[in-house]
Amino acid sequence: VQLQASGGGLVQAGGSLRLSCAASGRTFSNYVMGWFRQAPGKEREFVAAISWIGGSTYYADSVKGRFTISRDNAKNTVHLQMNSLKPEDTAVYYCARSKYGLGYTASNQYDYWGQGTLVTVSS
């Protein structure tokens, strides 16, 4: 099981980025997939999650209305579209597979993790 995150970069405040997470090694058709982020000196925090089959989503309040999580089942890929980015969104973003269903937001409730991709938002 491998997760490969990509799409990070440097963007000005108000800009957009689209992150991708490619899953390989095993199908994820029955798993919730999520995105977390970790800013320097801070704990890793939940960002968003999506159920693989139903397309139901769940967001942290801090990103609701600005970020959109989606999935492409044919390509075993999950995306995170980030709009109206703020400097406080600066962090390393990780994709992960949930051990449970939708709505779980703790890091230890996710078992497989990607390597992370850095998003830097300048003011």
N, C-alpha and C. Protein backbone atom coordinates (compact mmCIF):
# COMPACT_ATOMS: atom_id res chain seq x y z
N VAL A 1 0.84 -1.18 0.00
CA VAL A 1 0.00 0.00 0.00
C VAL A 1 0.88 1.24 0.00
N GLN A 2 0.71 2.05 -1.01
CA GLN A 2 1.50 3.28 -1.11
C GLN A 2 0.61 4.44 -1.48
N LEU A 3 0.88 5.57 -0.86
CA LEU A 3 0.18 6.81 -1.18
C LEU A 3 1.21 7.84 -1.60
N GLN A 4 0.97 8.50 -2.69
CA GLN A 4 1.91 9.48 -3.22
C GLN A 4 1.20 10.80 -3.38
N ALA A 5 1.57 11.77 -2.56
CA ALA A 5 0.96 13.10 -2.63
C ALA A 5 1.80 14.01 -3.52
N SER A 6 1.13 14.89 -4.24
CA SER A 6 1.82 15.84 -5.11
C SER A 6 0.97 17.10 -5.27
N GLY A 7 1.58 18.13 -5.87
CA GLY A 7 0.83 19.33 -6.20
C GLY A 7 1.10 20.53 -5.33
N GLY A 8 1.92 20.37 -4.31
CA GLY A 8 2.22 21.49 -3.45
C GLY A 8 3.09 22.52 -4.16
N GLY A 9 3.25 23.67 -3.53
CA GLY A 9 4.07 24.72 -4.11
C GLY A 9 3.89 26.03 -3.37
N LEU A 10 4.40 27.08 -3.98
CA LEU A 10 4.32 28.43 -3.42
C LEU A 10 3.23 29.20 -4.15
N VAL A 11 2.35 29.83 -3.39
CA VAL A 11 1.26 30.58 -4.00
C VAL A 11 0.98 31.82 -3.15
N GLN A 12 0.51 32.87 -3.77
CA GLN A 12 0.16 34.07 -3.03
C GLN A 12 -1.20 33.90 -2.35
N ALA A 13 -1.39 34.65 -1.29
CA ALA A 13 -2.68 34.64 -0.60
C ALA A 13 -3.79 34.96 -1.59
N GLY A 14 -4.87 34.22 -1.47
CA GLY A 14 -5.99 34.36 -2.39
C GLY A 14 -5.92 33.43 -3.59
N GLY A 15 -4.78 32.80 -3.77
CA GLY A 15 -4.60 31.91 -4.90
C GLY A 15 -5.13 30.51 -4.65
N SER A 16 -4.86 29.63 -5.60
CA SER A 16 -5.38 28.26 -5.55
C SER A 16 -4.28 27.25 -5.85
N LEU A 17 -4.46 26.07 -5.30
CA LEU A 17 -3.62 24.92 -5.61
C LEU A 17 -4.48 23.67 -5.60
N ARG A 18 -4.07 22.68 -6.35
CA ARG A 18 -4.78 21.41 -6.36
C ARG A 18 -3.79 20.30 -6.00
N LEU A 19 -4.04 19.64 -4.90
CA LEU A 19 -3.22 18.53 -4.47
C LEU A 19 -3.81 17.22 -4.98
N SER A 20 -2.93 16.26 -5.24
CA SER A 20 -3.38 14.94 -5.67
C SER A 20 -2.72 13.88 -4.79
N CYS A 21 -3.43 12.78 -4.63
CA CYS A 21 -2.91 11.65 -3.88
C CYS A 21 -3.21 10.39 -4.68
N ALA A 22 -2.18 9.75 -5.15
CA ALA A 22 -2.33 8.52 -5.94
C ALA A 22 -2.09 7.32 -5.04
N ALA A 23 -3.03 6.40 -5.07
CA ALA A 23 -2.94 5.19 -4.25
C ALA A 23 -2.57 4.00 -5.12
N SER A 24 -1.67 3.19 -4.63
CA SER A 24 -1.28 2.00 -5.37
C SER A 24 -1.09 0.84 -4.40
N GLY A 25 -1.05 -0.34 -4.93
CA GLY A 25 -0.81 -1.52 -4.13
C GLY A 25 -2.06 -2.24 -3.69
N ARG A 26 -3.14 -1.53 -3.61
CA ARG A 26 -4.39 -2.17 -3.20
C ARG A 26 -5.53 -1.21 -3.52
N THR A 27 -6.66 -1.72 -3.90
CA THR A 27 -7.78 -0.83 -4.19
C THR A 27 -8.30 -0.20 -2.92
N PHE A 28 -8.81 0.99 -3.04
CA PHE A 28 -9.32 1.73 -1.90
C PHE A 28 -10.83 1.93 -1.99
N SER A 29 -11.48 1.04 -2.69
CA SER A 29 -12.89 1.25 -2.96
C SER A 29 -13.76 1.25 -1.71
N ASN A 30 -13.30 0.64 -0.62
CA ASN A 30 -14.12 0.58 0.58
C ASN A 30 -13.59 1.47 1.70
N TYR A 31 -12.69 2.37 1.37
CA TYR A 31 -12.05 3.15 2.42
C TYR A 31 -12.31 4.64 2.27
N VAL A 32 -12.44 5.28 3.42
CA VAL A 32 -12.45 6.73 3.47
C VAL A 32 -11.00 7.22 3.31
N MET A 33 -10.82 8.25 2.51
CA MET A 33 -9.51 8.86 2.34
C MET A 33 -9.55 10.29 2.87
N GLY A 34 -8.44 10.71 3.43
CA GLY A 34 -8.42 12.04 4.02
C GLY A 34 -7.16 12.82 3.74
N TRP A 35 -7.22 14.09 4.04
CA TRP A 35 -6.07 14.99 3.98
C TRP A 35 -5.86 15.58 5.37
N PHE A 36 -4.61 15.64 5.76
CA PHE A 36 -4.20 16.30 6.99
C PHE A 36 -3.14 17.33 6.63
N ARG A 37 -2.83 18.18 7.57
CA ARG A 37 -1.72 19.12 7.36
C ARG A 37 -1.01 19.36 8.67
N GLN A 38 0.27 19.73 8.53
CA GLN A 38 1.07 20.03 9.71
C GLN A 38 1.93 21.25 9.43
N ALA A 39 1.65 22.30 10.17
CA ALA A 39 2.44 23.53 10.07
C ALA A 39 3.64 23.43 11.01
N PRO A 40 4.69 24.19 10.74
CA PRO A 40 5.87 24.14 11.60
C PRO A 40 5.53 24.42 13.06
N GLY A 41 5.97 23.53 13.93
CA GLY A 41 5.76 23.71 15.35
C GLY A 41 4.36 23.39 15.84
N LYS A 42 3.53 22.85 14.96
CA LYS A 42 2.15 22.56 15.34
C LYS A 42 1.84 21.07 15.16
N GLU A 43 0.76 20.66 15.80
CA GLU A 43 0.30 19.29 15.66
C GLU A 43 -0.30 19.08 14.26
N ARG A 44 -0.26 17.84 13.82
CA ARG A 44 -0.93 17.50 12.56
C ARG A 44 -2.44 17.63 12.77
N GLU A 45 -3.10 18.25 11.80
CA GLU A 45 -4.54 18.46 11.94
C GLU A 45 -5.30 17.97 10.73
N PHE A 46 -6.51 17.55 11.00
CA PHE A 46 -7.40 17.07 9.95
C PHE A 46 -7.84 18.22 9.06
N VAL A 47 -7.95 17.93 7.75
CA VAL A 47 -8.40 18.93 6.79
C VAL A 47 -9.72 18.52 6.15
N ALA A 48 -9.74 17.33 5.54
CA ALA A 48 -10.94 16.90 4.82
C ALA A 48 -10.88 15.39 4.61
N ALA A 49 -12.05 14.80 4.36
CA ALA A 49 -12.12 13.37 4.07
C ALA A 49 -13.27 13.10 3.12
N ILE A 50 -13.16 11.98 2.42
CA ILE A 50 -14.18 11.61 1.45
C ILE A 50 -14.38 10.10 1.47
N SER A 51 -15.63 9.69 1.40
CA SER A 51 -15.91 8.27 1.29
C SER A 51 -15.67 7.85 -0.16
N TRP A 52 -15.12 6.69 -0.34
CA TRP A 52 -14.68 6.31 -1.68
C TRP A 52 -15.84 6.01 -2.62
N ILE A 53 -16.86 5.35 -2.11
CA ILE A 53 -17.95 4.94 -2.98
C ILE A 53 -19.02 6.04 -3.09
N GLY A 54 -19.44 6.52 -1.96
CA GLY A 54 -20.58 7.43 -1.97
C GLY A 54 -20.26 8.87 -2.29
N GLY A 55 -18.98 9.25 -2.16
CA GLY A 55 -18.64 10.63 -2.43
C GLY A 55 -19.03 11.59 -1.33
N SER A 56 -19.43 11.09 -0.17
CA SER A 56 -19.73 11.99 0.94
C SER A 56 -18.44 12.59 1.45
N THR A 57 -18.53 13.84 1.90
CA THR A 57 -17.34 14.56 2.34
C THR A 57 -17.50 15.14 3.73
N TYR A 58 -16.35 15.46 4.32
CA TYR A 58 -16.33 16.04 5.66
C TYR A 58 -15.14 16.97 5.74
N TYR A 59 -15.34 18.17 6.29
CA TYR A 59 -14.29 19.18 6.30
C TYR A 59 -14.07 19.76 7.70
N ALA A 60 -12.84 20.16 7.92
CA ALA A 60 -12.55 20.96 9.10
C ALA A 60 -13.19 22.34 8.92
N ASP A 61 -13.62 22.93 9.99
CA ASP A 61 -14.27 24.24 9.91
C ASP A 61 -13.35 25.29 9.28
N SER A 62 -12.06 25.16 9.50
CA SER A 62 -11.11 26.16 9.01
C SER A 62 -11.00 26.20 7.49
N VAL A 63 -11.42 25.14 6.82
CA VAL A 63 -11.28 25.10 5.36
C VAL A 63 -12.63 24.99 4.64
N LYS A 64 -13.69 24.85 5.41
CA LYS A 64 -15.01 24.67 4.82
C LYS A 64 -15.36 25.87 3.94
N GLY A 65 -15.82 25.60 2.73
CA GLY A 65 -16.16 26.66 1.79
C GLY A 65 -15.00 27.11 0.92
N ARG A 66 -13.79 26.71 1.27
CA ARG A 66 -12.62 27.09 0.48
C ARG A 66 -11.95 25.87 -0.18
N PHE A 67 -11.97 24.75 0.51
CA PHE A 67 -11.35 23.53 0.00
C PHE A 67 -12.42 22.55 -0.44
N THR A 68 -12.08 21.77 -1.47
CA THR A 68 -12.98 20.73 -1.94
C THR A 68 -12.20 19.44 -2.16
N ILE A 69 -12.66 18.38 -1.52
CA ILE A 69 -12.03 17.08 -1.71
C ILE A 69 -12.87 16.29 -2.72
N SER A 70 -12.18 15.57 -3.59
CA SER A 70 -12.88 14.78 -4.60
C SER A 70 -12.07 13.52 -4.86
N ARG A 71 -12.66 12.60 -5.63
CA ARG A 71 -11.92 11.37 -5.92
C ARG A 71 -12.21 10.91 -7.35
N ASP A 72 -11.24 10.20 -7.89
CA ASP A 72 -11.36 9.59 -9.21
C ASP A 72 -11.15 8.09 -8.99
N ASN A 73 -12.24 7.36 -8.91
CA ASN A 73 -12.13 5.93 -8.59
C ASN A 73 -11.37 5.15 -9.64
N ALA A 74 -11.52 5.53 -10.89
CA ALA A 74 -10.86 4.80 -11.98
C ALA A 74 -9.34 4.90 -11.87
N LYS A 75 -8.87 6.01 -11.30
CA LYS A 75 -7.43 6.23 -11.19
C LYS A 75 -6.92 6.07 -9.76
N ASN A 76 -7.79 5.64 -8.85
CA ASN A 76 -7.38 5.49 -7.45
C ASN A 76 -6.70 6.75 -6.92
N THR A 77 -7.33 7.87 -7.20
CA THR A 77 -6.73 9.16 -6.87
C THR A 77 -7.71 10.02 -6.08
N VAL A 78 -7.19 10.74 -5.12
CA VAL A 78 -7.96 11.70 -4.35
C VAL A 78 -7.34 13.09 -4.56
N HIS A 79 -8.18 14.09 -4.70
CA HIS A 79 -7.70 15.45 -4.92
C HIS A 79 -8.18 16.38 -3.81
N LEU A 80 -7.43 17.42 -3.62
CA LEU A 80 -7.83 18.49 -2.70
C LEU A 80 -7.66 19.81 -3.44
N GLN A 81 -8.77 20.40 -3.84
CA GLN A 81 -8.74 21.71 -4.48
C GLN A 81 -8.81 22.77 -3.40
N MET A 82 -7.78 23.62 -3.37
CA MET A 82 -7.69 24.64 -2.33
C MET A 82 -7.79 26.01 -2.97
N ASN A 83 -8.83 26.73 -2.63
CA ASN A 83 -9.05 28.08 -3.14
C ASN A 83 -8.98 29.10 -2.02
N SER A 84 -8.85 30.35 -2.39
CA SER A 84 -8.80 31.44 -1.41
C SER A 84 -7.80 31.13 -0.30
N LEU A 85 -6.63 30.72 -0.70
CA LEU A 85 -5.62 30.31 0.27
C LEU A 85 -5.16 31.48 1.13
N LYS A 86 -4.87 31.14 2.39
CA LYS A 86 -4.42 32.12 3.37
C LYS A 86 -3.03 31.73 3.87
N PRO A 87 -2.26 32.68 4.37
CA PRO A 87 -0.94 32.33 4.92
C PRO A 87 -1.02 31.24 5.99
N GLU A 88 -2.09 31.21 6.75
CA GLU A 88 -2.24 30.19 7.79
C GLU A 88 -2.52 28.79 7.24
N ASP A 89 -2.71 28.69 5.93
CA ASP A 89 -2.84 27.37 5.30
C ASP A 89 -1.47 26.75 5.00
N THR A 90 -0.41 27.52 5.21
CA THR A 90 0.94 27.01 4.98
C THR A 90 1.23 25.81 5.86
N ALA A 91 1.61 24.70 5.23
CA ALA A 91 1.84 23.46 5.97
C ALA A 91 2.30 22.38 4.99
N VAL A 92 2.76 21.28 5.55
CA VAL A 92 2.94 20.07 4.76
C VAL A 92 1.61 19.33 4.79
N TYR A 93 1.12 18.98 3.62
CA TYR A 93 -0.16 18.30 3.49
C TYR A 93 0.06 16.82 3.22
N TYR A 94 -0.67 16.01 3.96
CA TYR A 94 -0.56 14.57 3.85
C TYR A 94 -1.90 13.95 3.47
N CYS A 95 -1.85 12.95 2.61
CA CYS A 95 -3.05 12.15 2.38
C CYS A 95 -2.92 10.87 3.20
N ALA A 96 -4.05 10.32 3.56
CA ALA A 96 -4.04 9.14 4.43
C ALA A 96 -5.31 8.33 4.22
N ARG A 97 -5.22 7.06 4.57
CA ARG A 97 -6.37 6.17 4.48
C ARG A 97 -6.96 5.94 5.87
N SER A 98 -8.25 6.11 5.98
CA SER A 98 -8.90 5.95 7.26
C SER A 98 -9.12 4.47 7.61
N LYS A 99 -8.99 4.16 8.90
CA LYS A 99 -9.29 2.81 9.38
C LYS A 99 -10.78 2.64 9.62
N TYR A 100 -11.47 3.77 9.67
CA TYR A 100 -12.87 3.74 10.02
C TYR A 100 -13.69 4.46 8.95
N GLY A 101 -14.83 4.96 9.34
CA GLY A 101 -15.69 5.62 8.38
C GLY A 101 -15.46 7.11 8.33
N LEU A 102 -16.38 7.81 7.71
CA LEU A 102 -16.29 9.25 7.56
C LEU A 102 -16.55 9.92 8.91
N GLY A 103 -15.89 11.04 9.13
CA GLY A 103 -16.12 11.79 10.35
C GLY A 103 -15.05 11.63 11.40
N TYR A 104 -14.12 10.74 11.15
CA TYR A 104 -13.01 10.53 12.09
C TYR A 104 -11.88 11.48 11.73
N THR A 105 -11.37 12.20 12.71
CA THR A 105 -10.41 13.26 12.41
C THR A 105 -9.08 13.14 13.13
N ALA A 106 -8.89 12.12 13.92
CA ALA A 106 -7.62 11.96 14.64
C ALA A 106 -6.62 11.20 13.77
N SER A 107 -5.35 11.60 13.90
CA SER A 107 -4.31 10.97 13.08
C SER A 107 -4.23 9.46 13.30
N ASN A 108 -4.43 9.03 14.54
CA ASN A 108 -4.30 7.59 14.82
C ASN A 108 -5.48 6.77 14.32
N GLN A 109 -6.44 7.44 13.71
CA GLN A 109 -7.56 6.73 13.11
C GLN A 109 -7.32 6.49 11.61
N TYR A 110 -6.14 6.85 11.16
CA TYR A 110 -5.71 6.65 9.78
C TYR A 110 -4.46 5.78 9.80
N ASP A 111 -4.38 4.80 8.87
CA ASP A 111 -3.29 3.85 8.99
C ASP A 111 -2.21 3.98 7.91
N TYR A 112 -2.53 4.37 6.72
CA TYR A 112 -1.53 4.53 5.68
C TYR A 112 -1.42 6.01 5.30
N TRP A 113 -0.16 6.47 5.14
CA TRP A 113 0.10 7.88 4.92
C TRP A 113 0.99 8.09 3.71
N GLY A 114 0.75 9.17 3.00
CA GLY A 114 1.65 9.60 1.96
C GLY A 114 2.82 10.36 2.55
N GLN A 115 3.75 10.76 1.72
CA GLN A 115 4.98 11.38 2.20
C GLN A 115 4.83 12.86 2.49
N GLY A 116 3.76 13.48 2.07
CA GLY A 116 3.55 14.89 2.32
C GLY A 116 4.01 15.76 1.17
N THR A 117 3.30 16.85 0.97
CA THR A 117 3.67 17.84 -0.04
C THR A 117 3.53 19.22 0.59
N LEU A 118 4.52 20.08 0.38
CA LEU A 118 4.58 21.37 1.06
C LEU A 118 3.77 22.42 0.31
N VAL A 119 2.91 23.09 1.04
CA VAL A 119 2.15 24.22 0.52
C VAL A 119 2.58 25.46 1.28
N THR A 120 3.03 26.47 0.55
CA THR A 120 3.45 27.72 1.17
C THR A 120 2.62 28.85 0.58
N VAL A 121 1.94 29.59 1.45
CA VAL A 121 1.09 30.70 1.01
C VAL A 121 1.72 31.99 1.52
N SER A 122 2.11 32.83 0.59
CA SER A 122 2.75 34.10 0.96
C SER A 122 1.71 35.21 1.08
N SER A 123 2.00 36.15 1.96
CA SER A 123 1.04 37.24 2.19
C SER A 123 1.31 38.42 1.30
